[in-house]
Protein backbone atom coordinates (compact mmCIF):
# COMPACT_ATOMS: atom_id res chain seq x y z
CA UNK A 1 -23.88 -19.10 -17.14
CA UNK A 2 -21.47 -18.08 -19.88
CA UNK A 3 -18.20 -19.84 -20.63
CA UNK A 4 -16.28 -16.87 -19.25
CA UNK A 5 -18.26 -16.97 -16.00
CA UNK A 6 -17.59 -20.71 -15.64
CA UNK A 7 -13.88 -20.08 -16.23
CA UNK A 8 -13.80 -17.38 -13.56
CA UNK A 9 -15.62 -19.73 -11.20
CA UNK A 10 -13.07 -22.48 -11.78
CA UNK A 11 -10.20 -20.06 -11.27
CA UNK A 12 -11.73 -18.85 -8.00
CA UNK A 13 -12.23 -22.44 -6.87
CA UNK A 14 -8.60 -23.25 -7.73
CA UNK A 15 -7.37 -20.26 -5.68
CA UNK A 16 -9.54 -21.27 -2.73
CA UNK A 17 -8.27 -24.85 -2.91
CA UNK A 18 -4.68 -23.61 -3.06
CA UNK A 19 -5.20 -21.48 0.06
CA UNK A 20 -6.64 -24.49 1.88
CA UNK A 21 -3.70 -26.62 0.79
CA UNK A 22 -1.07 -24.07 1.81
CA UNK A 23 -2.68 -23.46 5.20
CA UNK A 24 -2.82 -27.20 5.81
CA UNK A 25 0.83 -27.57 4.79
CA UNK A 26 1.86 -24.73 7.06
CA UNK A 27 0.06 -26.29 10.03
CA UNK A 28 1.49 -29.76 9.36
CA UNK A 29 5.07 -28.48 9.03
CA UNK A 30 4.73 -26.46 12.24
CA UNK A 31 3.39 -29.48 14.14
CA UNK A 32 5.54 -32.23 12.64
CA UNK A 33 8.56 -30.51 11.14
CA UNK A 34 9.90 -30.48 7.60
CA UNK A 35 10.13 -34.28 7.49
CA UNK A 36 6.32 -34.55 7.43
CA UNK A 37 5.21 -36.50 4.33
CA UNK A 38 3.04 -35.02 1.62
CA UNK A 39 0.41 -37.64 2.52
CA UNK A 40 0.02 -36.00 5.94
CA UNK A 41 -0.61 -32.64 4.27
CA UNK A 42 -3.18 -34.20 1.92
CA UNK A 43 -4.99 -35.81 4.85
CA UNK A 44 -4.99 -32.57 6.86
CA UNK A 45 -6.29 -30.61 3.87
CA UNK A 46 -8.92 -33.23 3.05
CA UNK A 47 -7.73 -33.67 -0.53
CA UNK A 48 -6.06 -36.40 -2.54
CA UNK A 49 -2.28 -36.49 -2.66
CA UNK A 50 -2.44 -36.40 -6.46
CA UNK A 51 -4.06 -32.97 -6.21
CA UNK A 52 -1.03 -31.68 -4.32
CA UNK A 53 1.44 -33.04 -6.84
CA UNK A 54 -0.51 -31.52 -9.72
CA UNK A 55 -0.04 -28.10 -8.13
CA UNK A 56 3.38 -28.65 -6.51
CA UNK A 57 5.45 -31.42 -8.13
CA UNK A 58 7.80 -31.62 -5.12
CA UNK A 59 7.83 -30.78 -1.43
CA UNK A 60 10.55 -28.21 -2.13
CA UNK A 61 8.27 -26.27 -4.47
CA UNK A 62 5.50 -26.34 -1.87
CA UNK A 63 7.85 -25.05 0.84
CA UNK A 64 9.14 -22.32 -1.47
CA UNK A 65 5.56 -21.09 -1.92
CA UNK A 66 5.02 -21.14 1.84
CA UNK A 67 8.17 -19.07 2.34
CA UNK A 68 6.96 -16.54 -0.22
CA UNK A 69 3.64 -16.24 1.60
CA UNK A 70 5.31 -15.89 5.00
CA UNK A 71 7.74 -13.24 3.79
CA UNK A 72 4.84 -11.30 2.33
CA UNK A 73 3.09 -11.42 5.72
CA UNK A 74 6.15 -10.13 7.59
CA UNK A 75 6.80 -7.37 5.03
CA UNK A 76 3.20 -6.21 5.31
CA UNK A 77 3.32 -6.15 9.11
CA UNK A 78 6.65 -4.29 9.09
CA UNK A 79 5.41 -1.69 6.59
CA UNK A 80 2.18 -1.11 8.53
CA UNK A 81 4.06 -0.85 11.84
CA UNK A 82 6.17 2.14 10.79
CA UNK A 83 3.74 4.92 11.67
CA UNK A 84 1.93 5.33 14.95
CA UNK A 85 2.51 6.29 18.56
CA UNK A 86 5.46 4.85 20.45
CA UNK A 87 8.08 2.44 19.21
CA UNK A 88 7.80 1.06 15.68
CA UNK A 89 9.92 -1.96 16.63
CA UNK A 90 7.63 -2.74 19.58
CA UNK A 91 4.57 -2.36 17.36
CA UNK A 92 6.09 -4.73 14.78
CA UNK A 93 6.94 -7.37 17.37
CA UNK A 94 3.50 -7.32 18.95
CA UNK A 95 1.70 -7.34 15.61
CA UNK A 96 3.84 -10.20 14.38
CA UNK A 97 2.93 -12.25 17.46
CA UNK A 98 -0.78 -11.53 17.03
CA UNK A 99 -1.16 -11.62 13.25
CA UNK A 100 1.38 -13.83 11.54
CA UNK A 101 -0.17 -17.21 10.82
CA UNK A 102 2.70 -19.31 12.13
CA UNK A 103 6.13 -18.92 13.66
CA UNK A 104 8.88 -17.68 11.41
CA UNK A 105 10.13 -21.18 10.65
CA UNK A 106 8.38 -20.88 7.27
CA UNK A 107 10.03 -17.60 6.31
CA UNK A 108 13.62 -18.78 6.16
CA UNK A 109 15.35 -22.04 6.90
CA UNK A 110 17.99 -24.57 5.98
CA UNK A 111 15.49 -26.90 4.38
CA UNK A 112 15.08 -25.78 0.77
CA UNK A 113 17.04 -23.69 -1.66
CA UNK A 114 16.16 -20.07 -2.21
CA UNK A 115 14.77 -18.50 -5.38
CA UNK A 116 15.06 -15.08 -7.06
CA UNK A 117 11.60 -14.19 -5.75
CA UNK A 118 12.54 -15.07 -2.17
CA UNK A 119 15.83 -13.17 -2.49
CA UNK A 120 13.91 -10.10 -3.67
CA UNK A 121 11.40 -10.38 -0.84
CA UNK A 122 14.21 -10.77 1.70
CA UNK A 123 15.73 -7.50 0.51
CA UNK A 124 12.31 -5.84 0.65
CA UNK A 125 11.97 -7.06 4.23
CA UNK A 126 15.37 -5.66 5.12
CA UNK A 127 14.36 -2.25 3.77
CA UNK A 128 11.12 -2.30 5.79
CA UNK A 129 12.91 -3.30 8.99
CA UNK A 130 15.65 -0.70 8.47
CA UNK A 131 12.91 1.95 8.27
CA UNK A 132 11.42 0.81 11.60
CA UNK A 133 14.81 0.90 13.28
CA UNK A 134 15.78 4.29 11.82
CA UNK A 135 12.57 5.80 13.18
CA UNK A 136 13.15 4.30 16.62
CA UNK A 137 16.81 5.35 16.66
CA UNK A 138 15.77 8.92 15.99
CA UNK A 139 13.28 8.71 18.87
CA UNK A 140 15.76 7.02 21.22
CA UNK A 141 13.62 3.86 21.39
CA UNK A 142 16.30 1.33 20.40
CA UNK A 143 20.02 1.27 21.23
CA UNK A 144 22.73 2.34 18.83
CA UNK A 145 23.98 -0.53 16.72
CA UNK A 146 20.65 -2.37 16.72
CA UNK A 147 20.11 -4.00 13.32
CA UNK A 148 17.45 -5.57 11.14
CA UNK A 149 19.13 -8.94 11.68
CA UNK A 150 18.98 -8.41 15.46
CA UNK A 151 15.25 -7.82 15.10
CA UNK A 152 14.72 -10.96 13.02
CA UNK A 153 16.71 -13.01 15.51
CA UNK A 154 14.53 -11.61 18.28
CA UNK A 155 11.38 -12.71 16.45
CA UNK A 156 12.83 -16.19 16.01
CA UNK A 157 13.57 -16.53 19.73
CA UNK A 158 10.40 -14.82 20.93
CA UNK A 159 8.00 -17.02 18.98
CA UNK A 160 8.78 -20.71 19.56
CA UNK A 161 6.22 -23.44 18.99
CA UNK A 162 4.44 -24.27 22.24
CA UNK A 163 2.08 -27.18 23.03
CA UNK A 164 -0.72 -24.83 24.06
CA UNK A 165 -3.79 -23.15 22.58
CA UNK A 166 -3.27 -20.26 20.17
CA UNK A 167 -4.63 -17.85 22.79
CA UNK A 168 -2.33 -19.05 25.56
CA UNK A 169 0.66 -19.24 23.24
CA UNK A 170 0.07 -15.64 22.12
CA UNK A 171 -0.23 -14.51 25.75
CA UNK A 172 3.09 -16.14 26.64
CA UNK A 173 4.83 -14.75 23.56
CA UNK A 174 3.60 -11.21 24.24
CA UNK A 175 4.83 -11.47 27.83
CA UNK A 176 8.29 -12.32 26.55
CA UNK A 177 8.11 -9.44 24.07
CA UNK A 178 7.58 -7.17 27.08
CA UNK A 179 10.67 -8.62 28.75
CA UNK A 180 12.66 -8.12 25.53
CA UNK A 181 11.56 -4.50 25.18
CA UNK A 182 12.52 -3.81 28.79
CA UNK A 183 15.93 -5.24 27.93
CA UNK A 184 16.25 -2.88 24.96
CA UNK A 185 15.40 0.02 27.26
CA UNK A 186 18.16 -1.13 29.60
CA UNK A 187 20.61 -1.29 26.70
CA UNK A 188 19.77 2.30 25.81
CA UNK A 189 20.39 3.44 29.37
CA UNK A 190 23.55 1.36 29.84
CA UNK A 191 25.19 0.65 26.46
CA UNK A 192 28.41 -0.29 28.22
CA UNK A 193 26.71 -3.48 29.45
CA UNK A 194 26.00 -4.75 25.94
CA UNK A 195 28.71 -6.99 24.50
CA UNK A 196 29.65 -7.58 20.89
CA UNK A 197 28.24 -5.99 17.76
CA UNK A 198 24.88 -6.32 16.04
CA UNK A 199 24.24 -9.16 13.60
CA UNK A 200 24.51 -8.15 9.96
CA UNK A 201 21.91 -8.95 7.31
CA UNK A 202 24.44 -11.06 5.44
CA UNK A 203 24.92 -13.07 8.61
CA UNK A 204 21.18 -13.49 9.02
CA UNK A 205 20.89 -14.77 5.45
CA UNK A 206 23.86 -17.09 6.00
CA UNK A 207 22.25 -18.46 9.18
CA UNK A 208 19.29 -19.40 7.01
CA UNK A 209 21.13 -20.57 3.91
CA UNK A 210 20.31 -24.03 2.64
CA UNK A 211 22.64 -26.86 3.59
CA UNK A 212 23.52 -28.01 0.07
CA UNK A 213 24.78 -31.45 1.19
CA UNK A 214 21.59 -32.10 3.14
CA UNK A 215 19.46 -30.83 0.26
CA UNK A 216 21.25 -33.14 -2.15
CA UNK A 217 20.71 -36.07 0.21
CA UNK A 218 16.98 -35.33 0.32
CA UNK A 219 16.67 -34.97 -3.46
């Protein structure tokens, strides 16, 4: 084996180890919340805690990477949900329930500060969601005034953590997606029954902005 081949092998091993670590961290945070210690992540991943700190010097850096991964997942699902029969919004919701690795708690949150990369991905997500909604508006599949922020809020409410198997949890979540979509159909038929105005993207970002005082206390 040449030196270059050994280097590629080590790089591949490092990527595989990082994927294992991030998946373990995602599962621990979902189960135990953001207060879970790094030692719990190390134990779940089957690695030493020093290995985590070599890759991610702080929990905040680890969570930032998880948020980047989660945003990438949602952007991909939104982009791939645009074309096809029926409602793009419905397709996005159902695919998100089935495919996204964890609830959306990793995507945004008041637990760590943002970064330029996350800000850019958030804007990319908004563009992808706006495209879904524009297509459905043209087809009469969502009510007037429905926004990308409304859709993200729906995902947040429709996908809570449940103490059940992945299969049963998915079944329950999809059932509630059906209820939600029936509600959207009702809002199209009777817009006079819908109160208020749609959430704006700036509001959605503000809902998920870091609490600077709390972040400083954790530092």
